Amino acid sequence: MNWTRKDLIAARDLSREEIEHILDQAAHFEEVGEREVKKVPALRGKTLVNLFIEPSTRTRTSFELAAHRLSADVINITATISSITKGETLKDTAKNLQALHADIIVIRHSSAGAARFLADRLAVSVINAGDGAHEHPTQALLDAYTIRKKKGRVAGLNVTILGDILYSRVARSNIHVLTKLGARVTLAGPSTLVPRVFEEMGCRVCYNVEEAIADADVINLLRIQHERQRQTMFPSIGEYASIFGLTKERFARTKPDAMIMHPGPINRGVEIDSDLADCERSVILQQVTHGLAVRMAALYLCGSVQPAAEAGKA
């Protein structure tokens, strides 16, 4: 297919064909990482700015390394070293980066809609690296890539997402990507964190962990998003772990080929027993590796679209 999007803002925006195109492109870039020289000239001469107003380890490093692998130049900007600390608006910060001839801005921000706000006002490409509790499209794409690579397909699989769904941008993006690819998605966790409104997105909601994971081909665990919660959503961490955590006893009753996923960072002993995070059926580190290939694909596809000359006046 012919990729026409200069921006990657939300998984909700993508068609099944676009999702599969990104995953197929990522497969080609994964091969680059297996070469002796792990670099291609696909974005030579382009400049990427990582504008991370929220903290990040995996995502920021992954985008930075992906850009280097594509031969792009990279500038990293965090909230503490930007003029945002002096009162400059996000729009003015981004406009100045565009005036310096940046070609791609990868943004992580605590406010939902921040990435789309910039994309609507800039001529350069904008890629969403996570905006509040809204979306994290490249995480969902790398999760789908990992599932497809390990299971051979996504369509027809039972995927259980277990944890804090309400405040998770990863969960929302995963729901959009997985359902479009034909997976059956079950959401599980405390009722305060998994409201039934998510059923409107085509998911099954379940409040019993054993039932939720019994037939799962994939169990994707999410940490508690304490930084976004305005009130206590359950009595204690200990109670959450005992009722909703993936323990060795619970995992022993799942399908023999069920695999464990987690976007990180992991809270060992809370959402998952530490031993399970490192077991042979865990693909958590493979997700990190695959994230590099998926983000190379996203940067290459969006960065190759010619920006409109008159865009970004608002």
C-alpha atoms as a PDB file:
ATOM      1  CA  MET A   1       0.000   0.000   0.000  1.00  0.00           C
ATOM      2  CA  ASN A   2       1.014   3.645  -0.379  1.00  0.00           C
ATOM      3  CA  TRP A   3       1.584   5.218   3.059  1.00  0.00           C
ATOM      4  CA  THR A   4       0.215   8.782   3.156  1.00  0.00           C
ATOM      5  CA  ARG A   5       0.214   9.774   6.851  1.00  0.00           C
ATOM      6  CA  LYS A   6       2.818  12.315   7.921  1.00  0.00           C
ATOM      7  CA  ASP A   7       1.794  11.724  11.559  1.00  0.00           C
ATOM      8  CA  LEU A   8       1.204   8.720  13.793  1.00  0.00           C
ATOM      9  CA  ILE A   9      -1.061   9.964  16.549  1.00  0.00           C
ATOM     10  CA  ALA A  10      -3.487   7.198  17.521  1.00  0.00           C
ATOM     11  CA  ALA A  11      -4.028   3.517  16.831  1.00  0.00           C
ATOM     12  CA  ARG A  12      -7.694   4.371  16.553  1.00  0.00           C
ATOM     13  CA  ASP A  13      -6.922   6.255  13.312  1.00  0.00           C
ATOM     14  CA  LEU A  14      -5.263   3.306  11.590  1.00  0.00           C
ATOM     15  CA  SER A  15      -6.954   0.842   9.279  1.00  0.00           C
ATOM     16  CA  ARG A  16      -6.148  -2.856   9.410  1.00  0.00           C
ATOM     17  CA  GLU A  17      -4.205  -2.445   6.163  1.00  0.00           C
ATOM     18  CA  GLU A  18      -2.101   0.380   7.635  1.00  0.00           C
ATOM     19  CA  ILE A  19      -1.384  -1.642  10.780  1.00  0.00           C
ATOM     20  CA  GLU A  20      -0.263  -4.639   8.743  1.00  0.00           C
ATOM     21  CA  HIS A  21       1.851  -2.385   6.522  1.00  0.00           C
ATOM     22  CA  ILE A  22       3.717  -1.036   9.564  1.00  0.00           C
ATOM     23  CA  LEU A  23       4.243  -4.562  10.916  1.00  0.00           C
ATOM     24  CA  ASP A  24       5.491  -5.809   7.550  1.00  0.00           C
ATOM     25  CA  GLN A  25       7.875  -2.859   7.292  1.00  0.00           C
ATOM     26  CA  ALA A  26       9.079  -3.561  10.831  1.00  0.00           C
ATOM     27  CA  ALA A  27       9.927  -7.128   9.836  1.00  0.00           C
ATOM     28  CA  HIS A  28      12.307  -5.763   7.198  1.00  0.00           C
ATOM     29  CA  PHE A  29      13.928  -3.424   9.710  1.00  0.00           C
ATOM     30  CA  GLU A  30      14.295  -6.205  12.277  1.00  0.00           C
ATOM     31  CA  GLU A  31      16.661  -7.860   9.831  1.00  0.00           C
ATOM     32  CA  VAL A  32      18.846  -4.746   9.945  1.00  0.00           C
ATOM     33  CA  GLY A  33      19.475  -5.355  13.641  1.00  0.00           C
ATOM     34  CA  GLU A  34      20.883  -8.773  12.846  1.00  0.00           C
ATOM     35  CA  ARG A  35      23.534  -7.435  10.466  1.00  0.00           C
ATOM     36  CA  GLU A  36      27.113  -6.622  11.357  1.00  0.00           C
ATOM     37  CA  VAL A  37      26.486  -3.014  10.305  1.00  0.00           C
ATOM     38  CA  LYS A  38      23.146  -2.154  11.900  1.00  0.00           C
ATOM     39  CA  LYS A  39      22.408   0.960   9.874  1.00  0.00           C
ATOM     40  CA  VAL A  40      20.568   1.989   6.690  1.00  0.00           C
ATOM     41  CA  PRO A  41      20.471   5.406   4.967  1.00  0.00           C
ATOM     42  CA  ALA A  42      16.646   5.606   4.872  1.00  0.00           C
ATOM     43  CA  LEU A  43      16.430   8.947   6.766  1.00  0.00           C
ATOM     44  CA  ARG A  44      19.895  10.348   6.069  1.00  0.00           C
ATOM     45  CA  GLY A  45      19.770  14.142   6.240  1.00  0.00           C
ATOM     46  CA  LYS A  46      16.625  14.157   8.403  1.00  0.00           C
ATOM     47  CA  THR A  47      16.515  15.468  11.976  1.00  0.00           C
ATOM     48  CA  LEU A  48      14.384  13.923  14.715  1.00  0.00           C
ATOM     49  CA  VAL A  49      13.565  15.679  17.980  1.00  0.00           C
ATOM     50  CA  ASN A  50      12.574  13.570  20.968  1.00  0.00           C
ATOM     51  CA  LEU A  51      10.384  15.972  22.969  1.00  0.00           C
ATOM     52  CA  PHE A  52       9.684  14.073  26.171  1.00  0.00           C
ATOM     53  CA  ILE A  53       7.740  16.124  28.698  1.00  0.00           C
ATOM     54  CA  GLU A  54       7.098  12.936  30.694  1.00  0.00           C
ATOM     55  CA  PRO A  55       9.862  10.578  31.889  1.00  0.00           C
ATOM     56  CA  SER A  56      10.714   7.539  29.771  1.00  0.00           C
ATOM     57  CA  THR A  57      13.421   4.898  29.486  1.00  0.00           C
ATOM     58  CA  ARG A  58      12.394   2.323  26.885  1.00  0.00           C
ATOM     59  CA  THR A  59      10.369   4.507  24.528  1.00  0.00           C
ATOM     60  CA  ARG A  60      12.760   7.465  24.338  1.00  0.00           C
ATOM     61  CA  THR A  61      15.832   5.253  23.969  1.00  0.00           C
ATOM     62  CA  SER A  62      14.047   3.099  21.409  1.00  0.00           C
ATOM     63  CA  PHE A  63      13.104   6.088  19.247  1.00  0.00           C
ATOM     64  CA  GLU A  64      16.601   7.530  19.555  1.00  0.00           C
ATOM     65  CA  LEU A  65      18.276   4.281  18.540  1.00  0.00           C
ATOM     66  CA  ALA A  66      15.715   3.723  15.766  1.00  0.00           C
ATOM     67  CA  ALA A  67      16.534   7.148  14.300  1.00  0.00           C
ATOM     68  CA  HIS A  68      20.271   6.466  14.465  1.00  0.00           C
ATOM     69  CA  ARG A  69      19.756   3.117  12.725  1.00  0.00           C
ATOM     70  CA  LEU A  70      17.976   5.027   9.943  1.00  0.00           C
ATOM     71  CA  SER A  71      20.918   7.495   9.741  1.00  0.00           C
ATOM     72  CA  ALA A  72      18.899  10.464  11.045  1.00  0.00           C
ATOM     73  CA  ASP A  73      20.298  13.123  13.390  1.00  0.00           C
ATOM     74  CA  VAL A  74      18.706  13.132  16.862  1.00  0.00           C
ATOM     75  CA  ILE A  75      18.122  15.841  19.465  1.00  0.00           C
ATOM     76  CA  ASN A  76      16.703  14.906  22.885  1.00  0.00           C
ATOM     77  CA  ILE A  77      14.696  17.466  24.851  1.00  0.00           C
ATOM     78  CA  THR A  78      13.135  16.873  28.256  1.00  0.00           C
ATOM     79  CA  ALA A  79      10.862  19.143  30.282  1.00  0.00           C
ATOM     80  CA  THR A  80      13.637  20.105  32.700  1.00  0.00           C
ATOM     81  CA  ILE A  81      15.952  21.410  29.955  1.00  0.00           C
ATOM     82  CA  SER A  82      13.315  23.109  27.811  1.00  0.00           C
ATOM     83  CA  SER A  83      11.898  26.621  27.969  1.00  0.00           C
ATOM     84  CA  ILE A  84       8.613  25.092  29.099  1.00  0.00           C
ATOM     85  CA  THR A  85      10.037  25.506  32.606  1.00  0.00           C
ATOM     86  CA  LYS A  86      10.126  29.257  31.884  1.00  0.00           C
ATOM     87  CA  GLY A  87       6.485  29.365  30.858  1.00  0.00           C
ATOM     88  CA  GLU A  88       6.787  28.798  27.114  1.00  0.00           C
ATOM     89  CA  THR A  89       3.780  27.029  25.613  1.00  0.00           C
ATOM     90  CA  LEU A  90       4.022  23.612  24.005  1.00  0.00           C
ATOM     91  CA  LYS A  91       2.935  25.149  20.697  1.00  0.00           C
ATOM     92  CA  ASP A  92       5.705  27.772  20.790  1.00  0.00           C
ATOM     93  CA  THR A  93       8.309  25.173  21.723  1.00  0.00           C
ATOM     94  CA  ALA A  94       7.282  22.983  18.794  1.00  0.00           C
ATOM     95  CA  LYS A  95       7.063  25.921  16.371  1.00  0.00           C
ATOM     96  CA  ASN A  96      10.627  26.874  17.263  1.00  0.00           C
ATOM     97  CA  LEU A  97      11.797  23.320  16.638  1.00  0.00           C
ATOM     98  CA  GLN A  98      10.095  23.427  13.247  1.00  0.00           C
ATOM     99  CA  ALA A  99      11.788  26.768  12.518  1.00  0.00           C
ATOM    100  CA  LEU A 100      15.116  25.033  13.187  1.00  0.00           C
ATOM    101  CA  HIS A 101      14.215  22.602  10.373  1.00  0.00           C
ATOM    102  CA  ALA A 102      13.418  19.553  12.467  1.00  0.00           C
ATOM    103  CA  ASP A 103      11.727  16.944  10.261  1.00  0.00           C
ATOM    104  CA  ILE A 104      10.094  14.682  12.874  1.00  0.00           C
ATOM    105  CA  ILE A 105       8.966  15.442  16.423  1.00  0.00           C
ATOM    106  CA  VAL A 106       8.350  12.499  18.712  1.00  0.00           C
ATOM    107  CA  ILE A 107       6.377  13.726  21.712  1.00  0.00           C
ATOM    108  CA  ARG A 108       5.446  12.275  25.075  1.00  0.00           C
ATOM    109  CA  HIS A 109       3.192  14.439  27.191  1.00  0.00           C
ATOM    110  CA  SER A 110       1.020  14.077  30.274  1.00  0.00           C
ATOM    111  CA  SER A 111      -1.989  15.698  28.583  1.00  0.00           C
ATOM    112  CA  ALA A 112      -4.276  13.653  26.354  1.00  0.00           C
ATOM    113  CA  GLY A 113      -4.451  15.208  22.905  1.00  0.00           C
ATOM    114  CA  ALA A 114      -1.052  16.926  23.036  1.00  0.00           C
ATOM    115  CA  ALA A 115       0.311  15.020  20.026  1.00  0.00           C
ATOM    116  CA  ARG A 116      -2.738  15.743  17.867  1.00  0.00           C
ATOM    117  CA  PHE A 117      -2.658  19.389  18.948  1.00  0.00           C
ATOM    118  CA  LEU A 118       0.847  19.690  17.513  1.00  0.00           C
ATOM    119  CA  ALA A 119       0.149  17.597  14.422  1.00  0.00           C
ATOM    120  CA  ASP A 120      -2.692  19.948  13.475  1.00  0.00           C
ATOM    121  CA  ARG A 121      -0.388  22.969  13.760  1.00  0.00           C
ATOM    122  CA  LEU A 122       2.908  21.770  12.317  1.00  0.00           C
ATOM    123  CA  ALA A 123       4.068  20.911   8.825  1.00  0.00           C
ATOM    124  CA  VAL A 124       6.635  18.438  10.158  1.00  0.00           C
ATOM    125  CA  SER A 125       5.786  14.862  11.131  1.00  0.00           C
ATOM    126  CA  VAL A 126       4.556  14.238  14.681  1.00  0.00           C
ATOM    127  CA  ILE A 127       4.644  10.818  16.316  1.00  0.00           C
ATOM    128  CA  ASN A 128       2.849  10.172  19.579  1.00  0.00           C
ATOM    129  CA  ALA A 129       5.038   8.465  22.174  1.00  0.00           C
ATOM    130  CA  GLY A 130       2.239   8.541  24.744  1.00  0.00           C
ATOM    131  CA  ASP A 131      -0.223  11.293  25.669  1.00  0.00           C
ATOM    132  CA  GLY A 132      -1.732  11.082  29.116  1.00  0.00           C
ATOM    133  CA  ALA A 133      -4.168   8.181  29.458  1.00  0.00           C
ATOM    134  CA  HIS A 134      -5.185   8.538  25.806  1.00  0.00           C
ATOM    135  CA  GLU A 135      -2.953   6.487  23.465  1.00  0.00           C
ATOM    136  CA  HIS A 136       0.495   4.988  22.914  1.00  0.00           C
ATOM    137  CA  PRO A 137       0.270   3.700  19.339  1.00  0.00           C
ATOM    138  CA  THR A 138       3.809   2.402  18.829  1.00  0.00           C
ATOM    139  CA  GLN A 139       3.560   0.301  22.007  1.00  0.00           C
ATOM    140  CA  ALA A 140       0.414  -1.367  20.694  1.00  0.00           C
ATOM    141  CA  LEU A 141       2.048  -1.934  17.322  1.00  0.00           C
ATOM    142  CA  LEU A 142       5.116  -3.556  18.865  1.00  0.00           C
ATOM    143  CA  ASP A 143       2.864  -5.704  21.046  1.00  0.00           C
ATOM    144  CA  ALA A 144       0.981  -6.866  17.946  1.00  0.00           C
ATOM    145  CA  TYR A 145       4.268  -7.467  16.152  1.00  0.00           C
ATOM    146  CA  THR A 146       5.496  -9.599  19.054  1.00  0.00           C
ATOM    147  CA  ILE A 147       2.292 -11.633  19.117  1.00  0.00           C
ATOM    148  CA  ARG A 148       2.377 -12.187  15.361  1.00  0.00           C
ATOM    149  CA  LYS A 149       6.028 -13.204  15.439  1.00  0.00           C
ATOM    150  CA  LYS A 150       5.638 -15.629  18.357  1.00  0.00           C
ATOM    151  CA  LYS A 151       2.207 -17.043  17.479  1.00  0.00           C
ATOM    152  CA  GLY A 152       2.274 -16.703  13.704  1.00  0.00           C
ATOM    153  CA  ARG A 153      -0.943 -14.685  13.684  1.00  0.00           C
ATOM    154  CA  VAL A 154      -3.110 -12.308  15.680  1.00  0.00           C
ATOM    155  CA  ALA A 155      -6.535 -13.114  14.246  1.00  0.00           C
ATOM    156  CA  GLY A 156      -8.516 -15.575  16.351  1.00  0.00           C
ATOM    157  CA  LEU A 157      -6.252 -15.392  19.414  1.00  0.00           C
ATOM    158  CA  ASN A 158      -7.552 -14.738  22.924  1.00  0.00           C
ATOM    159  CA  VAL A 159      -5.660 -11.808  24.451  1.00  0.00           C
ATOM    160  CA  THR A 160      -6.238 -10.854  28.074  1.00  0.00           C
ATOM    161  CA  ILE A 161      -5.110  -7.413  29.240  1.00  0.00           C
ATOM    162  CA  LEU A 162      -4.878  -7.490  33.018  1.00  0.00           C
ATOM    163  CA  GLY A 163      -4.397  -4.498  35.294  1.00  0.00           C
ATOM    164  CA  ASP A 164      -5.120  -0.779  35.307  1.00  0.00           C
ATOM    165  CA  ILE A 165      -7.171  -0.341  32.132  1.00  0.00           C
ATOM    166  CA  LEU A 166      -8.884   2.928  33.023  1.00  0.00           C
ATOM    167  CA  TYR A 167      -5.714   5.024  33.214  1.00  0.00           C
ATOM    168  CA  SER A 168      -3.674   3.100  30.643  1.00  0.00           C
ATOM    169  CA  ARG A 169      -2.890   4.577  27.229  1.00  0.00           C
ATOM    170  CA  VAL A 170      -1.285   1.241  26.340  1.00  0.00           C
ATOM    171  CA  ALA A 171      -4.560  -0.593  26.934  1.00  0.00           C
ATOM    172  CA  ARG A 172      -6.557   1.735  24.709  1.00  0.00           C
ATOM    173  CA  SER A 173      -4.108   1.500  21.823  1.00  0.00           C
ATOM    174  CA  ASN A 174      -3.860  -2.265  22.213  1.00  0.00           C
ATOM    175  CA  ILE A 175      -7.624  -2.632  22.075  1.00  0.00           C
ATOM    176  CA  HIS A 176      -7.783  -0.710  18.796  1.00  0.00           C
ATOM    177  CA  VAL A 177      -4.911  -2.611  17.157  1.00  0.00           C
ATOM    178  CA  LEU A 178      -5.795  -6.104  18.369  1.00  0.00           C
ATOM    179  CA  THR A 179      -9.495  -5.937  17.568  1.00  0.00           C
ATOM    180  CA  LYS A 180      -8.750  -4.572  14.089  1.00  0.00           C
ATOM    181  CA  LEU A 181      -6.408  -7.510  13.534  1.00  0.00           C
ATOM    182  CA  GLY A 182      -9.104  -9.973  14.621  1.00  0.00           C
ATOM    183  CA  ALA A 183      -8.101 -10.890  18.174  1.00  0.00           C
ATOM    184  CA  ARG A 184     -10.622 -11.494  20.956  1.00  0.00           C
ATOM    185  CA  VAL A 185      -9.735  -9.115  23.790  1.00  0.00           C
ATOM    186  CA  THR A 186     -10.623  -9.622  27.458  1.00  0.00           C
ATOM    187  CA  LEU A 187     -10.015  -6.862  30.013  1.00  0.00           C
ATOM    188  CA  ALA A 188      -9.560  -7.844  33.653  1.00  0.00           C
ATOM    189  CA  GLY A 189      -8.831  -6.105  36.937  1.00  0.00           C
ATOM    190  CA  PRO A 190     -10.682  -4.338  39.750  1.00  0.00           C
ATOM    191  CA  SER A 191     -14.067  -2.956  38.744  1.00  0.00           C
ATOM    192  CA  THR A 192     -12.850   0.533  39.687  1.00  0.00           C
ATOM    193  CA  LEU A 193     -10.118   0.226  37.034  1.00  0.00           C
ATOM    194  CA  VAL A 194     -12.024  -1.762  34.403  1.00  0.00           C
ATOM    195  CA  PRO A 195     -15.423  -0.096  33.914  1.00  0.00           C
ATOM    196  CA  ARG A 196     -17.876  -1.863  31.632  1.00  0.00           C
ATOM    197  CA  VAL A 197     -17.855   1.094  29.269  1.00  0.00           C
ATOM    198  CA  PHE A 198     -14.875  -0.627  27.613  1.00  0.00           C
ATOM    199  CA  GLU A 199     -17.281  -3.238  26.293  1.00  0.00           C
ATOM    200  CA  GLU A 200     -18.326  -0.588  23.783  1.00  0.00           C
ATOM    201  CA  MET A 201     -14.858  -0.993  22.222  1.00  0.00           C
ATOM    202  CA  GLY A 202     -15.582  -4.631  21.426  1.00  0.00           C
ATOM    203  CA  CYS A 203     -13.963  -6.194  24.499  1.00  0.00           C
ATOM    204  CA  ARG A 204     -15.110  -8.646  27.141  1.00  0.00           C
ATOM    205  CA  VAL A 205     -14.819  -7.316  30.710  1.00  0.00           C
ATOM    206  CA  CYS A 206     -14.098  -9.813  33.486  1.00  0.00           C
ATOM    207  CA  TYR A 207     -13.436  -9.317  37.194  1.00  0.00           C
ATOM    208  CA  ASN A 208     -12.259 -12.845  37.985  1.00  0.00           C
ATOM    209  CA  VAL A 209      -8.579 -13.326  37.142  1.00  0.00           C
ATOM    210  CA  GLU A 210      -8.728 -17.112  36.876  1.00  0.00           C
ATOM    211  CA  GLU A 211     -11.603 -16.890  34.419  1.00  0.00           C
ATOM    212  CA  ALA A 212      -9.953 -14.099  32.441  1.00  0.00           C
ATOM    213  CA  ILE A 213      -6.714 -15.998  31.841  1.00  0.00           C
ATOM    214  CA  ALA A 214      -8.082 -19.555  31.556  1.00  0.00           C
ATOM    215  CA  ASP A 215      -8.268 -19.586  27.746  1.00  0.00           C
ATOM    216  CA  ALA A 216      -5.807 -16.783  27.047  1.00  0.00           C
ATOM    217  CA  ASP A 217      -3.159 -17.249  24.375  1.00  0.00           C
ATOM    218  CA  VAL A 218      -1.572 -13.995  25.496  1.00  0.00           C
ATOM    219  CA  ILE A 219      -1.610 -12.336  28.921  1.00  0.00           C
ATOM    220  CA  ASN A 220      -0.594  -8.681  28.731  1.00  0.00           C
ATOM    221  CA  LEU A 221      -0.005  -7.210  32.186  1.00  0.00           C
ATOM    222  CA  LEU A 222      -0.204  -3.524  33.041  1.00  0.00           C
ATOM    223  CA  ARG A 223       1.170  -1.705  36.059  1.00  0.00           C
ATOM    224  CA  ILE A 224      -0.950   0.534  38.259  1.00  0.00           C
ATOM    225  CA  GLN A 225      -0.791   4.109  36.906  1.00  0.00           C
ATOM    226  CA  HIS A 226      -0.458   5.813  40.288  1.00  0.00           C
ATOM    227  CA  GLU A 227       0.696   9.076  38.688  1.00  0.00           C
ATOM    228  CA  ARG A 228      -2.649   9.527  36.898  1.00  0.00           C
ATOM    229  CA  GLN A 229      -5.033   8.435  39.636  1.00  0.00           C
ATOM    230  CA  ARG A 230      -6.772  11.181  41.567  1.00  0.00           C
ATOM    231  CA  GLN A 231      -8.059   8.861  44.275  1.00  0.00           C
ATOM    232  CA  THR A 232      -7.362   5.436  45.739  1.00  0.00           C
ATOM    233  CA  MET A 233      -8.877   2.849  43.399  1.00  0.00           C
ATOM    234  CA  PHE A 234      -8.327  -0.215  45.630  1.00  0.00           C
ATOM    235  CA  PRO A 235      -7.572  -0.810  49.337  1.00  0.00           C
ATOM    236  CA  SER A 236      -3.842  -1.614  49.113  1.00  0.00           C
ATOM    237  CA  ILE A 237      -1.045  -2.827  46.862  1.00  0.00           C
ATOM    238  CA  GLY A 238      -0.930  -6.072  48.843  1.00  0.00           C
ATOM    239  CA  GLU A 239      -4.616  -6.724  48.289  1.00  0.00           C
ATOM    240  CA  TYR A 240      -4.318  -5.926  44.592  1.00  0.00           C
ATOM    241  CA  ALA A 241      -1.407  -8.350  44.221  1.00  0.00           C
ATOM    242  CA  SER A 242      -3.234 -11.155  46.024  1.00  0.00           C
ATOM    243  CA  ILE A 243      -6.471 -10.780  44.052  1.00  0.00           C
ATOM    244  CA  PHE A 244      -5.314  -9.608  40.608  1.00  0.00           C
ATOM    245  CA  GLY A 245      -1.601 -10.348  40.419  1.00  0.00           C
ATOM    246  CA  LEU A 246      -0.300 -13.056  38.072  1.00  0.00           C
ATOM    247  CA  THR A 247       1.117 -15.604  40.505  1.00  0.00           C
ATOM    248  CA  LYS A 248       2.864 -18.866  39.693  1.00  0.00           C
ATOM    249  CA  GLU A 249      -0.175 -20.757  40.953  1.00  0.00           C
ATOM    250  CA  ARG A 250      -2.535 -18.856  38.646  1.00  0.00           C
ATOM    251  CA  PHE A 251      -0.206 -19.106  35.670  1.00  0.00           C
ATOM    252  CA  ALA A 252       0.131 -22.876  36.160  1.00  0.00           C
ATOM    253  CA  ARG A 253      -3.569 -23.204  35.302  1.00  0.00           C
ATOM    254  CA  THR A 254      -3.320 -21.368  31.969  1.00  0.00           C
ATOM    255  CA  LYS A 255      -2.842 -22.875  28.509  1.00  0.00           C
ATOM    256  CA  PRO A 256       0.585 -24.508  28.180  1.00  0.00           C
ATOM    257  CA  ASP A 257       1.611 -22.129  25.405  1.00  0.00           C
ATOM    258  CA  ALA A 258       0.157 -18.927  26.892  1.00  0.00           C
ATOM    259  CA  MET A 259       2.744 -16.165  26.851  1.00  0.00           C
ATOM    260  CA  ILE A 260       3.330 -13.233  29.184  1.00  0.00           C
ATOM    261  CA  MET A 261       3.720  -9.650  28.000  1.00  0.00           C
ATOM    262  CA  HIS A 262       4.311  -6.368  29.828  1.00  0.00           C
ATOM    263  CA  PRO A 263       5.052  -2.890  28.406  1.00  0.00           C
ATOM    264  CA  GLY A 264       7.217  -1.991  31.413  1.00  0.00           C
ATOM    265  CA  PRO A 265       8.238  -0.743  33.805  1.00  0.00           C
ATOM    266  CA  ILE A 266       7.457  -3.903  35.796  1.00  0.00           C
ATOM    267  CA  ASN A 267       6.441  -3.749  39.444  1.00  0.00           C
ATOM    268  CA  ARG A 268       7.656  -7.184  40.482  1.00  0.00           C
ATOM    269  CA  GLY A 269       5.536  -8.813  43.143  1.00  0.00           C
ATOM    270  CA  VAL A 270       2.545  -6.592  42.330  1.00  0.00           C
ATOM    271  CA  GLU A 271       1.132  -7.315  38.865  1.00  0.00           C
ATOM    272  CA  ILE A 272       3.438 -10.315  38.365  1.00  0.00           C
ATOM    273  CA  ASP A 273       5.581 -12.671  40.410  1.00  0.00           C
ATOM    274  CA  SER A 274       9.230 -11.891  39.826  1.00  0.00           C
ATOM    275  CA  ASP A 275      10.043 -15.421  38.636  1.00  0.00           C
ATOM    276  CA  LEU A 276       7.309 -15.265  35.987  1.00  0.00           C
ATOM    277  CA  ALA A 277       8.685 -12.042  34.555  1.00  0.00           C
ATOM    278  CA  ASP A 278      11.886 -13.930  33.719  1.00  0.00           C
ATOM    279  CA  CYS A 279      10.429 -17.305  32.760  1.00  0.00           C
ATOM    280  CA  GLU A 280      10.739 -18.905  29.319  1.00  0.00           C
ATOM    281  CA  ARG A 281       7.145 -18.014  28.434  1.00  0.00           C
ATOM    282  CA  SER A 282       7.737 -14.323  29.091  1.00  0.00           C
ATOM    283  CA  VAL A 283       8.415 -12.215  25.983  1.00  0.00           C
ATOM    284  CA  ILE A 284       8.906  -8.940  27.835  1.00  0.00           C
ATOM    285  CA  LEU A 285      12.460  -8.361  26.596  1.00  0.00           C
ATOM    286  CA  GLN A 286      11.499  -9.460  23.083  1.00  0.00           C
ATOM    287  CA  GLN A 287       8.896  -6.685  23.144  1.00  0.00           C
ATOM    288  CA  VAL A 288      11.690  -4.180  23.766  1.00  0.00           C
ATOM    289  CA  THR A 289      13.711  -5.571  20.872  1.00  0.00           C
ATOM    290  CA  HIS A 290      10.718  -5.573  18.540  1.00  0.00           C
ATOM    291  CA  GLY A 291       9.893  -2.020  19.600  1.00  0.00           C
ATOM    292  CA  LEU A 292      13.079  -0.854  17.909  1.00  0.00           C
ATOM    293  CA  ALA A 293      12.033  -2.352  14.560  1.00  0.00           C
ATOM    294  CA  VAL A 294       8.472  -1.025  14.841  1.00  0.00           C
ATOM    295  CA  ARG A 295       9.674   2.487  15.650  1.00  0.00           C
ATOM    296  CA  MET A 296      12.110   2.358  12.746  1.00  0.00           C
ATOM    297  CA  ALA A 297       9.117   1.532  10.555  1.00  0.00           C
ATOM    298  CA  ALA A 298       7.026   4.371  12.001  1.00  0.00           C
ATOM    299  CA  LEU A 299       9.821   6.917  11.599  1.00  0.00           C
ATOM    300  CA  TYR A 300      10.607   5.777   8.076  1.00  0.00           C
ATOM    301  CA  LEU A 301       7.003   5.793   6.882  1.00  0.00           C
ATOM    302  CA  CYS A 302       5.987   9.125   8.428  1.00  0.00           C
ATOM    303  CA  GLY A 303       9.343  10.747   7.755  1.00  0.00           C
ATOM    304  CA  SER A 304       9.131   9.872   4.066  1.00  0.00           C
ATOM    305  CA  VAL A 305       5.827  11.696   3.532  1.00  0.00           C
ATOM    306  CA  GLN A 306       6.327  15.125   1.966  1.00  0.00           C
ATOM    307  CA  PRO A 307       4.883  17.767   4.337  1.00  0.00           C
ATOM    308  CA  ALA A 308       2.348  20.249   3.030  1.00  0.00           C
ATOM    309  CA  ALA A 309       4.005  23.612   2.456  1.00  0.00           C
ATOM    310  CA  GLU A 310       1.110  25.567   3.958  1.00  0.00           C
ATOM    311  CA  ALA A 311       0.516  23.328   6.983  1.00  0.00           C
ATOM    312  CA  GLY A 312       0.849  24.430  10.571  1.00  0.00           C
ATOM    313  CA  LYS A 313      -0.369  28.030  10.527  1.00  0.00           C
ATOM    314  CA  ALA A 314      -2.832  27.720  13.410  1.00  0.00           C
END
